[in-house]
Amino acid sequence: YVIECPNCGVIYRSRQYWYGNQDPVETVVRTEIQHIWPGVSSMLTRPAYWVPDQDIQSCCECQREFSPRLSIHHCRACGQGVCDDCSQERRPVPSRGWDHPVRVCNGCIQKSGEL
């Protein structure tokens, strides 16, 4: 058995003459799910205009500090970190590649030019 990755080359090769080689799909291969965002051509997990999570300490709208109980959400229009309360609206943002309704912060809703 030989398993090849298009990016890495050979990632698994069983011994050619060893009797009892197990099928690598059952013993070696693991499934990995990656989210691909609309408007992003490469295999990134999030668009480049989003502020990185480690740089976000509080909601850009209400200034509440984020904690394990208060999740960071990203506005699809501006990319800032917002809490759930400040990003209840869903709107298409075609300028960023989002043609279907997505999470948008209250500030971007008020600024009609952002959408």
PDB file of N, CA and C in Angstrom:
ATOM      1  N   TYR A   1       0.834  -1.192   0.000  1.00  0.00           N
ATOM      2  CA  TYR A   1       0.000   0.000   0.000  1.00  0.00           C
ATOM      3  C   TYR A   1       0.874   1.249   0.000  1.00  0.00           C
ATOM      4  N   VAL A   2       0.456   2.264  -0.743  1.00  0.00           N
ATOM      5  CA  VAL A   2       1.121   3.562  -0.761  1.00  0.00           C
ATOM      6  C   VAL A   2       0.033   4.629  -0.743  1.00  0.00           C
ATOM      7  N   ILE A   3       0.181   5.590   0.168  1.00  0.00           N
ATOM      8  CA  ILE A   3      -0.734   6.730   0.219  1.00  0.00           C
ATOM      9  C   ILE A   3       0.089   7.968  -0.058  1.00  0.00           C
ATOM     10  N   GLU A   4      -0.370   8.761  -1.036  1.00  0.00           N
ATOM     11  CA  GLU A   4       0.340   9.981  -1.401  1.00  0.00           C
ATOM     12  C   GLU A   4      -0.538  11.197  -1.165  1.00  0.00           C
ATOM     13  N   CYS A   5       0.074  12.243  -0.649  1.00  0.00           N
ATOM     14  CA  CYS A   5      -0.585  13.527  -0.448  1.00  0.00           C
ATOM     15  C   CYS A   5      -0.150  14.425  -1.612  1.00  0.00           C
ATOM     16  N   PRO A   6      -1.073  15.166  -2.235  1.00  0.00           N
ATOM     17  CA  PRO A   6      -0.671  16.034  -3.341  1.00  0.00           C
ATOM     18  C   PRO A   6       0.306  17.131  -2.920  1.00  0.00           C
ATOM     19  N   ASN A   7       0.319  17.496  -1.633  1.00  0.00           N
ATOM     20  CA  ASN A   7       1.225  18.538  -1.152  1.00  0.00           C
ATOM     21  C   ASN A   7       2.520  17.992  -0.562  1.00  0.00           C
ATOM     22  N   CYS A   8       2.447  16.826   0.110  1.00  0.00           N
ATOM     23  CA  CYS A   8       3.587  16.307   0.869  1.00  0.00           C
ATOM     24  C   CYS A   8       4.302  15.138   0.195  1.00  0.00           C
ATOM     25  N   GLY A   9       3.691  14.516  -0.784  1.00  0.00           N
ATOM     26  CA  GLY A   9       4.279  13.324  -1.397  1.00  0.00           C
ATOM     27  C   GLY A   9       3.799  12.078  -0.670  1.00  0.00           C
ATOM     28  N   VAL A  10       4.656  11.051  -0.605  1.00  0.00           N
ATOM     29  CA  VAL A  10       4.295   9.795   0.035  1.00  0.00           C
ATOM     30  C   VAL A  10       4.210  10.001   1.545  1.00  0.00           C
ATOM     31  N   ILE A  11       3.048   9.660   2.141  1.00  0.00           N
ATOM     32  CA  ILE A  11       2.886   9.802   3.589  1.00  0.00           C
ATOM     33  C   ILE A  11       2.773   8.449   4.272  1.00  0.00           C
ATOM     34  N   TYR A  12       2.600   7.381   3.476  1.00  0.00           N
ATOM     35  CA  TYR A  12       2.544   6.036   4.052  1.00  0.00           C
ATOM     36  C   TYR A  12       2.942   5.050   2.973  1.00  0.00           C
ATOM     37  N   ARG A  13       3.827   4.121   3.349  1.00  0.00           N
ATOM     38  CA  ARG A  13       4.210   3.051   2.445  1.00  0.00           C
ATOM     39  C   ARG A  13       4.394   1.789   3.294  1.00  0.00           C
ATOM     40  N   SER A  14       3.612   0.769   2.973  1.00  0.00           N
ATOM     41  CA  SER A  14       3.759  -0.481   3.714  1.00  0.00           C
ATOM     42  C   SER A  14       4.938  -1.255   3.144  1.00  0.00           C
ATOM     43  N   ARG A  15       5.461  -2.169   3.906  1.00  0.00           N
ATOM     44  CA  ARG A  15       6.566  -3.000   3.422  1.00  0.00           C
ATOM     45  C   ARG A  15       6.055  -3.906   2.317  1.00  0.00           C
ATOM     46  N   GLN A  16       6.814  -3.957   1.244  1.00  0.00           N
ATOM     47  CA  GLN A  16       6.349  -4.639   0.046  1.00  0.00           C
ATOM     48  C   GLN A  16       6.115  -6.128   0.260  1.00  0.00           C
ATOM     49  N   TYR A  17       7.003  -6.813   0.946  1.00  0.00           N
ATOM     50  CA  TYR A  17       6.908  -8.261   1.031  1.00  0.00           C
ATOM     51  C   TYR A  17       6.444  -8.760   2.386  1.00  0.00           C
ATOM     52  N   TRP A  18       5.954  -7.875   3.235  1.00  0.00           N
ATOM     53  CA  TRP A  18       5.534  -8.295   4.562  1.00  0.00           C
ATOM     54  C   TRP A  18       4.107  -8.804   4.496  1.00  0.00           C
ATOM     55  N   TYR A  19       3.907 -10.039   4.844  1.00  0.00           N
ATOM     56  CA  TYR A  19       2.580 -10.639   4.812  1.00  0.00           C
ATOM     57  C   TYR A  19       1.772 -10.122   5.995  1.00  0.00           C
ATOM     58  N   GLY A  20       0.554  -9.749   5.763  1.00  0.00           N
ATOM     59  CA  GLY A  20      -0.305  -9.291   6.850  1.00  0.00           C
ATOM     60  C   GLY A  20      -0.399  -7.792   6.961  1.00  0.00           C
ATOM     61  N   ASN A  21       0.076  -7.068   5.938  1.00  0.00           N
ATOM     62  CA  ASN A  21      -0.098  -5.612   5.964  1.00  0.00           C
ATOM     63  C   ASN A  21      -1.578  -5.290   6.085  1.00  0.00           C
ATOM     64  N   GLN A  22      -1.881  -4.370   6.974  1.00  0.00           N
ATOM     65  CA  GLN A  22      -3.271  -3.969   7.145  1.00  0.00           C
ATOM     66  C   GLN A  22      -3.598  -2.825   6.190  1.00  0.00           C
ATOM     67  N   ASP A  23      -4.853  -2.736   5.818  1.00  0.00           N
ATOM     68  CA  ASP A  23      -5.305  -1.674   4.933  1.00  0.00           C
ATOM     69  C   ASP A  23      -5.090  -0.330   5.637  1.00  0.00           C
ATOM     70  N   PRO A  24      -4.336   0.604   5.035  1.00  0.00           N
ATOM     71  CA  PRO A  24      -4.040   1.876   5.696  1.00  0.00           C
ATOM     72  C   PRO A  24      -5.278   2.737   5.947  1.00  0.00           C
ATOM     73  N   VAL A  25      -6.310   2.558   5.157  1.00  0.00           N
ATOM     74  CA  VAL A  25      -7.525   3.340   5.376  1.00  0.00           C
ATOM     75  C   VAL A  25      -8.120   3.030   6.747  1.00  0.00           C
ATOM     76  N   GLU A  26      -7.954   1.796   7.195  1.00  0.00           N
ATOM     77  CA  GLU A  26      -8.495   1.403   8.496  1.00  0.00           C
ATOM     78  C   GLU A  26      -7.528   1.654   9.651  1.00  0.00           C
ATOM     79  N   THR A  27      -6.229   1.768   9.377  1.00  0.00           N
ATOM     80  CA  THR A  27      -5.255   1.844  10.459  1.00  0.00           C
ATOM     81  C   THR A  27      -4.443   3.131  10.507  1.00  0.00           C
ATOM     82  N   VAL A  28      -4.285   3.837   9.394  1.00  0.00           N
ATOM     83  CA  VAL A  28      -3.385   4.995   9.352  1.00  0.00           C
ATOM     84  C   VAL A  28      -4.112   6.293   9.021  1.00  0.00           C
ATOM     85  N   VAL A  29      -5.029   6.253   8.110  1.00  0.00           N
ATOM     86  CA  VAL A  29      -5.678   7.459   7.609  1.00  0.00           C
ATOM     87  C   VAL A  29      -6.650   8.009   8.648  1.00  0.00           C
ATOM     88  N   ARG A  30      -6.586   9.322   8.864  1.00  0.00           N
ATOM     89  CA  ARG A  30      -7.499  10.010   9.774  1.00  0.00           C
ATOM     90  C   ARG A  30      -8.196  11.110   8.999  1.00  0.00           C
ATOM     91  N   THR A  31      -9.451  11.322   9.268  1.00  0.00           N
ATOM     92  CA  THR A  31     -10.217  12.363   8.595  1.00  0.00           C
ATOM     93  C   THR A  31     -10.004  13.687   9.310  1.00  0.00           C
ATOM     94  N   GLU A  32      -9.794  14.736   8.535  1.00  0.00           N
ATOM     95  CA  GLU A  32      -9.669  16.081   9.084  1.00  0.00           C
ATOM     96  C   GLU A  32     -10.638  16.976   8.322  1.00  0.00           C
ATOM     97  N   ILE A  33     -11.444  17.730   9.052  1.00  0.00           N
ATOM     98  CA  ILE A  33     -12.407  18.624   8.436  1.00  0.00           C
ATOM     99  C   ILE A  33     -11.855  20.037   8.515  1.00  0.00           C
ATOM    100  N   GLN A  34     -11.805  20.723   7.374  1.00  0.00           N
ATOM    101  CA  GLN A  34     -11.370  22.104   7.341  1.00  0.00           C
ATOM    102  C   GLN A  34     -12.491  22.939   6.762  1.00  0.00           C
ATOM    103  N   HIS A  35     -12.727  24.100   7.368  1.00  0.00           N
ATOM    104  CA  HIS A  35     -13.751  25.006   6.868  1.00  0.00           C
ATOM    105  C   HIS A  35     -13.106  25.941   5.857  1.00  0.00           C
ATOM    106  N   ILE A  36     -13.730  26.075   4.718  1.00  0.00           N
ATOM    107  CA  ILE A  36     -13.247  26.974   3.689  1.00  0.00           C
ATOM    108  C   ILE A  36     -14.276  28.089   3.561  1.00  0.00           C
ATOM    109  N   TRP A  37     -13.831  29.303   3.734  1.00  0.00           N
ATOM    110  CA  TRP A  37     -14.738  30.445   3.746  1.00  0.00           C
ATOM    111  C   TRP A  37     -14.947  30.973   2.345  1.00  0.00           C
ATOM    112  N   PRO A  38     -16.166  31.377   2.017  1.00  0.00           N
ATOM    113  CA  PRO A  38     -16.419  31.995   0.711  1.00  0.00           C
ATOM    114  C   PRO A  38     -15.551  33.237   0.543  1.00  0.00           C
ATOM    115  N   GLY A  39     -15.100  33.481  -0.660  1.00  0.00           N
ATOM    116  CA  GLY A  39     -14.275  34.653  -0.935  1.00  0.00           C
ATOM    117  C   GLY A  39     -12.811  34.450  -0.652  1.00  0.00           C
ATOM    118  N   VAL A  40     -12.414  33.263  -0.196  1.00  0.00           N
ATOM    119  CA  VAL A  40     -11.019  32.969   0.097  1.00  0.00           C
ATOM    120  C   VAL A  40     -10.589  31.849  -0.822  1.00  0.00           C
ATOM    121  N   SER A  41      -9.552  32.104  -1.625  1.00  0.00           N
ATOM    122  CA  SER A  41      -9.160  31.120  -2.622  1.00  0.00           C
ATOM    123  C   SER A  41      -8.229  30.042  -2.077  1.00  0.00           C
ATOM    124  N   SER A  42      -7.496  30.297  -1.018  1.00  0.00           N
ATOM    125  CA  SER A  42      -6.560  29.309  -0.493  1.00  0.00           C
ATOM    126  C   SER A  42      -7.184  28.512   0.642  1.00  0.00           C
ATOM    127  N   MET A  43      -6.457  27.542   1.157  1.00  0.00           N
ATOM    128  CA  MET A  43      -6.963  26.663   2.198  1.00  0.00           C
ATOM    129  C   MET A  43      -6.772  27.292   3.582  1.00  0.00           C
ATOM    130  N   LEU A  44      -7.283  28.477   3.779  1.00  0.00           N
ATOM    131  CA  LEU A  44      -7.199  29.137   5.073  1.00  0.00           C
ATOM    132  C   LEU A  44      -8.418  28.780   5.901  1.00  0.00           C
ATOM    133  N   THR A  45      -8.300  28.941   7.207  1.00  0.00           N
ATOM    134  CA  THR A  45      -9.452  28.653   8.059  1.00  0.00           C
ATOM    135  C   THR A  45     -10.331  29.868   8.265  1.00  0.00           C
ATOM    136  N   ARG A  46      -9.845  31.035   7.925  1.00  0.00           N
ATOM    137  CA  ARG A  46     -10.627  32.257   8.074  1.00  0.00           C
ATOM    138  C   ARG A  46     -10.091  33.306   7.112  1.00  0.00           C
ATOM    139  N   PRO A  47     -10.944  34.254   6.707  1.00  0.00           N
ATOM    140  CA  PRO A  47     -10.493  35.303   5.784  1.00  0.00           C
ATOM    141  C   PRO A  47      -9.395  36.169   6.396  1.00  0.00           C
ATOM    142  N   ALA A  48      -8.531  36.697   5.549  1.00  0.00           N
ATOM    143  CA  ALA A  48      -7.386  37.492   6.012  1.00  0.00           C
ATOM    144  C   ALA A  48      -7.788  38.798   6.681  1.00  0.00           C
ATOM    145  N   TYR A  49      -8.948  39.350   6.347  1.00  0.00           N
ATOM    146  CA  TYR A  49      -9.341  40.639   6.928  1.00  0.00           C
ATOM    147  C   TYR A  49      -9.876  40.514   8.355  1.00  0.00           C
ATOM    148  N   TRP A  50     -10.112  39.284   8.832  1.00  0.00           N
ATOM    149  CA  TRP A  50     -10.586  39.107  10.210  1.00  0.00           C
ATOM    150  C   TRP A  50      -9.458  39.404  11.192  1.00  0.00           C
ATOM    151  N   VAL A  51      -9.791  40.088  12.261  1.00  0.00           N
ATOM    152  CA  VAL A  51      -8.832  40.331  13.341  1.00  0.00           C
ATOM    153  C   VAL A  51      -8.564  38.987  14.026  1.00  0.00           C
ATOM    154  N   PRO A  52      -7.282  38.604  14.222  1.00  0.00           N
ATOM    155  CA  PRO A  52      -6.989  37.322  14.883  1.00  0.00           C
ATOM    156  C   PRO A  52      -7.557  37.269  16.299  1.00  0.00           C
ATOM    157  N   ASP A  53      -8.047  36.100  16.690  1.00  0.00           N
ATOM    158  CA  ASP A  53      -8.660  35.929  18.012  1.00  0.00           C
ATOM    159  C   ASP A  53      -7.741  36.382  19.139  1.00  0.00           C
ATOM    160  N   GLN A  54      -6.440  36.103  19.027  1.00  0.00           N
ATOM    161  CA  GLN A  54      -5.524  36.451  20.119  1.00  0.00           C
ATOM    162  C   GLN A  54      -5.371  37.963  20.288  1.00  0.00           C
ATOM    163  N   ASP A  55      -5.767  38.747  19.287  1.00  0.00           N
ATOM    164  CA  ASP A  55      -5.695  40.214  19.385  1.00  0.00           C
ATOM    165  C   ASP A  55      -7.000  40.834  19.887  1.00  0.00           C
ATOM    166  N   ILE A  56      -8.003  40.014  20.134  1.00  0.00           N
ATOM    167  CA  ILE A  56      -9.312  40.518  20.558  1.00  0.00           C
ATOM    168  C   ILE A  56      -9.496  40.236  22.050  1.00  0.00           C
ATOM    169  N   GLN A  57      -9.645  41.288  22.828  1.00  0.00           N
ATOM    170  CA  GLN A  57      -9.856  41.155  24.271  1.00  0.00           C
ATOM    171  C   GLN A  57     -11.302  41.419  24.665  1.00  0.00           C
ATOM    172  N   SER A  58     -11.967  42.315  23.898  1.00  0.00           N
ATOM    173  CA  SER A  58     -13.347  42.682  24.238  1.00  0.00           C
ATOM    174  C   SER A  58     -14.128  42.952  22.961  1.00  0.00           C
ATOM    175  N   CYS A  59     -15.433  42.969  23.087  1.00  0.00           N
ATOM    176  CA  CYS A  59     -16.334  43.243  21.970  1.00  0.00           C
ATOM    177  C   CYS A  59     -16.082  44.660  21.455  1.00  0.00           C
ATOM    178  N   CYS A  60     -15.967  44.797  20.148  1.00  0.00           N
ATOM    179  CA  CYS A  60     -15.708  46.129  19.576  1.00  0.00           C
ATOM    180  C   CYS A  60     -16.923  47.044  19.667  1.00  0.00           C
ATOM    181  N   GLU A  61     -18.087  46.487  19.953  1.00  0.00           N
ATOM    182  CA  GLU A  61     -19.311  47.290  20.055  1.00  0.00           C
ATOM    183  C   GLU A  61     -19.603  47.698  21.501  1.00  0.00           C
ATOM    184  N   CYS A  62     -19.736  46.737  22.409  1.00  0.00           N
ATOM    185  CA  CYS A  62     -20.160  47.033  23.785  1.00  0.00           C
ATOM    186  C   CYS A  62     -19.004  47.013  24.794  1.00  0.00           C
ATOM    187  N   GLN A  63     -17.825  46.610  24.354  1.00  0.00           N
ATOM    188  CA  GLN A  63     -16.610  46.585  25.174  1.00  0.00           C
ATOM    189  C   GLN A  63     -16.608  45.524  26.277  1.00  0.00           C
ATOM    190  N   ARG A  64     -17.573  44.584  26.261  1.00  0.00           N
ATOM    191  CA  ARG A  64     -17.538  43.496  27.243  1.00  0.00           C
ATOM    192  C   ARG A  64     -16.325  42.615  26.967  1.00  0.00           C
ATOM    193  N   GLU A  65     -15.638  42.218  28.038  1.00  0.00           N
ATOM    194  CA  GLU A  65     -14.472  41.358  27.870  1.00  0.00           C
ATOM    195  C   GLU A  65     -14.906  39.939  27.537  1.00  0.00           C
ATOM    196  N   PHE A  66     -14.159  39.314  26.621  1.00  0.00           N
ATOM    197  CA  PHE A  66     -14.466  37.936  26.254  1.00  0.00           C
ATOM    198  C   PHE A  66     -13.912  36.985  27.299  1.00  0.00           C
ATOM    199  N   SER A  67     -14.615  35.895  27.499  1.00  0.00           N
ATOM    200  CA  SER A  67     -14.218  34.861  28.454  1.00  0.00           C
ATOM    201  C   SER A  67     -14.634  33.528  27.854  1.00  0.00           C
ATOM    202  N   PRO A  68     -14.309  32.418  28.512  1.00  0.00           N
ATOM    203  CA  PRO A  68     -14.757  31.126  27.986  1.00  0.00           C
ATOM    204  C   PRO A  68     -16.279  31.042  27.831  1.00  0.00           C
ATOM    205  N   ARG A  69     -17.025  31.808  28.604  1.00  0.00           N
ATOM    206  CA  ARG A  69     -18.487  31.775  28.517  1.00  0.00           C
ATOM    207  C   ARG A  69     -19.031  32.776  27.500  1.00  0.00           C
ATOM    208  N   LEU A  70     -18.221  33.749  27.082  1.00  0.00           N
ATOM    209  CA  LEU A  70     -18.642  34.752  26.105  1.00  0.00           C
ATOM    210  C   LEU A  70     -17.789  34.576  24.858  1.00  0.00           C
ATOM    211  N   SER A  71     -18.371  33.985  23.826  1.00  0.00           N
ATOM    212  CA  SER A  71     -17.636  33.628  22.613  1.00  0.00           C
ATOM    213  C   SER A  71     -17.366  34.833  21.728  1.00  0.00           C
ATOM    214  N   ILE A  72     -16.225  34.773  21.037  1.00  0.00           N
ATOM    215  CA  ILE A  72     -15.876  35.777  20.029  1.00  0.00           C
ATOM    216  C   ILE A  72     -16.525  35.362  18.711  1.00  0.00           C
ATOM    217  N   HIS A  73     -17.231  36.301  18.103  1.00  0.00           N
ATOM    218  CA  HIS A  73     -17.755  36.117  16.752  1.00  0.00           C
ATOM    219  C   HIS A  73     -17.119  37.191  15.879  1.00  0.00           C
ATOM    220  N   HIS A  74     -16.985  36.913  14.605  1.00  0.00           N
ATOM    221  CA  HIS A  74     -16.415  37.896  13.690  1.00  0.00           C
ATOM    222  C   HIS A  74     -17.501  38.444  12.774  1.00  0.00           C
ATOM    223  N   CYS A  75     -17.549  39.767  12.694  1.00  0.00           N
ATOM    224  CA  CYS A  75     -18.441  40.422  11.752  1.00  0.00           C
ATOM    225  C   CYS A  75     -17.915  40.123  10.355  1.00  0.00           C
ATOM    226  N   ARG A  76     -18.781  39.650   9.466  1.00  0.00           N
ATOM    227  CA  ARG A  76     -18.351  39.293   8.117  1.00  0.00           C
ATOM    228  C   ARG A  76     -18.101  40.517   7.246  1.00  0.00           C
ATOM    229  N   ALA A  77     -18.531  41.699   7.696  1.00  0.00           N
ATOM    230  CA  ALA A  77     -18.299  42.920   6.930  1.00  0.00           C
ATOM    231  C   ALA A  77     -16.968  43.577   7.301  1.00  0.00           C
ATOM    232  N   CYS A  78     -16.739  43.809   8.609  1.00  0.00           N
ATOM    233  CA  CYS A  78     -15.522  44.526   9.033  1.00  0.00           C
ATOM    234  C   CYS A  78     -14.430  43.616   9.584  1.00  0.00           C
ATOM    235  N   GLY A  79     -14.792  42.404  10.012  1.00  0.00           N
ATOM    236  CA  GLY A  79     -13.803  41.463  10.529  1.00  0.00           C
ATOM    237  C   GLY A  79     -13.480  41.632  12.002  1.00  0.00           C
ATOM    238  N   GLN A  80     -14.123  42.574  12.671  1.00  0.00           N
ATOM    239  CA  GLN A  80     -13.869  42.809  14.097  1.00  0.00           C
ATOM    240  C   GLN A  80     -14.517  41.718  14.950  1.00  0.00           C
ATOM    241  N   GLY A  81     -14.017  41.566  16.170  1.00  0.00           N
ATOM    242  CA  GLY A  81     -14.575  40.609  17.119  1.00  0.00           C
ATOM    243  C   GLY A  81     -15.730  41.225  17.875  1.00  0.00           C
ATOM    244  N   VAL A  82     -16.862  40.530  17.873  1.00  0.00           N
ATOM    245  CA  VAL A  82     -18.058  41.020  18.547  1.00  0.00           C
ATOM    246  C   VAL A  82     -18.702  39.896  19.352  1.00  0.00           C
ATOM    247  N   CYS A  83     -19.486  40.272  20.343  1.00  0.00           N
ATOM    248  CA  CYS A  83     -20.230  39.281  21.119  1.00  0.00           C
ATOM    249  C   CYS A  83     -21.518  38.926  20.375  1.00  0.00           C
ATOM    250  N   ASP A  84     -22.204  37.925  20.857  1.00  0.00           N
ATOM    251  CA  ASP A  84     -23.428  37.466  20.209  1.00  0.00           C
ATOM    252  C   ASP A  84     -24.517  38.539  20.247  1.00  0.00           C
ATOM    253  N   ASP A  85     -24.620  39.256  21.368  1.00  0.00           N
ATOM    254  CA  ASP A  85     -25.649  40.293  21.499  1.00  0.00           C
ATOM    255  C   ASP A  85     -25.462  41.420  20.487  1.00  0.00           C
ATOM    256  N   CYS A  86     -24.226  41.708  20.136  1.00  0.00           N
ATOM    257  CA  CYS A  86     -23.923  42.820  19.225  1.00  0.00           C
ATOM    258  C   CYS A  86     -23.816  42.374  17.769  1.00  0.00           C
ATOM    259  N   SER A  87     -24.185  41.138  17.494  1.00  0.00           N
ATOM    260  CA  SER A  87     -24.122  40.648  16.114  1.00  0.00           C
ATOM    261  C   SER A  87     -25.294  39.719  15.814  1.00  0.00           C
ATOM    262  N   GLN A  88     -26.482  40.159  16.155  1.00  0.00           N
ATOM    263  CA  GLN A  88     -27.692  39.360  15.952  1.00  0.00           C
ATOM    264  C   GLN A  88     -28.181  39.397  14.505  1.00  0.00           C
ATOM    265  N   GLU A  89     -27.859  40.445  13.771  1.00  0.00           N
ATOM    266  CA  GLU A  89     -28.352  40.603  12.398  1.00  0.00           C
ATOM    267  C   GLU A  89     -27.583  39.712  11.426  1.00  0.00           C
ATOM    268  N   ARG A  90     -28.296  39.283  10.395  1.00  0.00           N
ATOM    269  CA  ARG A  90     -27.701  38.501   9.311  1.00  0.00           C
ATOM    270  C   ARG A  90     -28.016  39.216   8.004  1.00  0.00           C
ATOM    271  N   ARG A  91     -26.978  39.538   7.254  1.00  0.00           N
ATOM    272  CA  ARG A  91     -27.138  40.235   5.976  1.00  0.00           C
ATOM    273  C   ARG A  91     -26.115  39.692   4.979  1.00  0.00           C
ATOM    274  N   PRO A  92     -26.427  39.735   3.688  1.00  0.00           N
ATOM    275  CA  PRO A  92     -25.403  39.408   2.686  1.00  0.00           C
ATOM    276  C   PRO A  92     -24.335  40.516   2.674  1.00  0.00           C
ATOM    277  N   VAL A  93     -23.085  40.135   2.444  1.00  0.00           N
ATOM    278  CA  VAL A  93     -21.996  41.102   2.330  1.00  0.00           C
ATOM    279  C   VAL A  93     -21.255  40.779   1.029  1.00  0.00           C
ATOM    280  N   PRO A  94     -21.838  41.154  -0.117  1.00  0.00           N
ATOM    281  CA  PRO A  94     -21.238  40.781  -1.401  1.00  0.00           C
ATOM    282  C   PRO A  94     -19.850  41.368  -1.627  1.00  0.00           C
ATOM    283  N   SER A  95     -19.545  42.508  -1.009  1.00  0.00           N
ATOM    284  CA  SER A  95     -18.215  43.105  -1.174  1.00  0.00           C
ATOM    285  C   SER A  95     -17.112  42.229  -0.578  1.00  0.00           C
ATOM    286  N   ARG A  96     -17.471  41.325   0.335  1.00  0.00           N
ATOM    287  CA  ARG A  96     -16.513  40.410   0.965  1.00  0.00           C
ATOM    288  C   ARG A  96     -16.693  38.968   0.477  1.00  0.00           C
ATOM    289  N   GLY A  97     -17.603  38.757  -0.486  1.00  0.00           N
ATOM    290  CA  GLY A  97     -17.801  37.419  -1.023  1.00  0.00           C
ATOM    291  C   GLY A  97     -18.895  36.615  -0.348  1.00  0.00           C
ATOM    292  N   TRP A  98     -19.665  37.236   0.511  1.00  0.00           N
ATOM    293  CA  TRP A  98     -20.751  36.557   1.211  1.00  0.00           C
ATOM    294  C   TRP A  98     -22.063  36.930   0.528  1.00  0.00           C
ATOM    295  N   ASP A  99     -22.563  36.079  -0.346  1.00  0.00           N
ATOM    296  CA  ASP A  99     -23.788  36.370  -1.083  1.00  0.00           C
ATOM    297  C   ASP A  99     -25.049  35.934  -0.347  1.00  0.00           C
ATOM    298  N   HIS A 100     -24.902  35.195   0.724  1.00  0.00           N
ATOM    299  CA  HIS A 100     -26.032  34.755   1.534  1.00  0.00           C
ATOM    300  C   HIS A 100     -25.968  35.478   2.888  1.00  0.00           C
ATOM    301  N   PRO A 101     -27.058  35.515   3.646  1.00  0.00           N
ATOM    302  CA  PRO A 101     -27.054  36.227   4.932  1.00  0.00           C
ATOM    303  C   PRO A 101     -26.052  35.627   5.924  1.00  0.00           C
ATOM    304  N   VAL A 102     -25.189  36.483   6.477  1.00  0.00           N
ATOM    305  CA  VAL A 102     -24.159  36.080   7.443  1.00  0.00           C
ATOM    306  C   VAL A 102     -24.146  37.065   8.604  1.00  0.00           C
ATOM    307  N   ARG A 103     -23.411  36.724   9.659  1.00  0.00           N
ATOM    308  CA  ARG A 103     -23.335  37.541  10.876  1.00  0.00           C
ATOM    309  C   ARG A 103     -22.678  38.893  10.570  1.00  0.00           C
ATOM    310  N   VAL A 104     -23.378  39.970  10.983  1.00  0.00           N
ATOM    311  CA  VAL A 104     -22.875  41.334  10.786  1.00  0.00           C
ATOM    312  C   VAL A 104     -23.081  42.102  12.089  1.00  0.00           C
ATOM    313  N   CYS A 105     -22.079  42.882  12.485  1.00  0.00           N
ATOM    314  CA  CYS A 105     -22.182  43.619  13.750  1.00  0.00           C
ATOM    315  C   CYS A 105     -23.127  44.805  13.617  1.00  0.00           C
ATOM    316  N   ASN A 106     -23.601  45.296  14.771  1.00  0.00           N
ATOM    317  CA  ASN A 106     -24.537  46.425  14.804  1.00  0.00           C
ATOM    318  C   ASN A 106     -23.939  47.671  14.159  1.00  0.00           C
ATOM    319  N   GLY A 107     -22.645  47.894  14.348  1.00  0.00           N
ATOM    320  CA  GLY A 107     -21.994  49.068  13.767  1.00  0.00           C
ATOM    321  C   GLY A 107     -22.025  49.054  12.249  1.00  0.00           C
ATOM    322  N   CYS A 108     -21.790  47.891  11.656  1.00  0.00           N
ATOM    323  CA  CYS A 108     -21.826  47.789  10.196  1.00  0.00           C
ATOM    324  C   CYS A 108     -23.246  47.862   9.646  1.00  0.00           C
ATOM    325  N   ILE A 109     -24.217  47.444  10.438  1.00  0.00           N
ATOM    326  CA  ILE A 109     -25.614  47.586  10.034  1.00  0.00           C
ATOM    327  C   ILE A 109     -25.964  49.053   9.927  1.00  0.00           C
ATOM    328  N   GLN A 110     -25.466  49.863  10.881  1.00  0.00           N
ATOM    329  CA  GLN A 110     -25.758  51.293  10.893  1.00  0.00           C
ATOM    330  C   GLN A 110     -25.022  52.034   9.781  1.00  0.00           C
ATOM    331  N   LYS A 111     -23.837  51.533   9.399  1.00  0.00           N
ATOM    332  CA  LYS A 111     -23.076  52.138   8.296  1.00  0.00           C
ATOM    333  C   LYS A 111     -23.464  51.429   7.001  1.00  0.00           C
ATOM    334  N   SER A 112     -24.321  51.998   6.249  1.00  0.00           N
ATOM    335  CA  SER A 112     -24.797  51.318   5.047  1.00  0.00           C
ATOM    336  C   SER A 112     -23.683  51.118   4.010  1.00  0.00           C
ATOM    337  N   GLY A 113     -22.628  51.909   4.066  1.00  0.00           N
ATOM    338  CA  GLY A 113     -21.520  51.774   3.106  1.00  0.00           C
ATOM    339  C   GLY A 113     -20.697  50.515   3.318  1.00  0.00           C
ATOM    340  N   GLU A 114     -20.694  49.925   4.523  1.00  0.00           N
ATOM    341  CA  GLU A 114     -19.906  48.733   4.815  1.00  0.00           C
ATOM    342  C   GLU A 114     -20.441  47.512   4.087  1.00  0.00           C
ATOM    343  N   LEU A 115     -21.747  47.458   3.842  1.00  0.00           N
ATOM    344  CA  LEU A 115     -22.354  46.299   3.235  1.00  0.00           C
ATOM    345  C   LEU A 115     -22.482  46.533   1.774  1.00  0.00           C
TER     346      LEU A 115
END
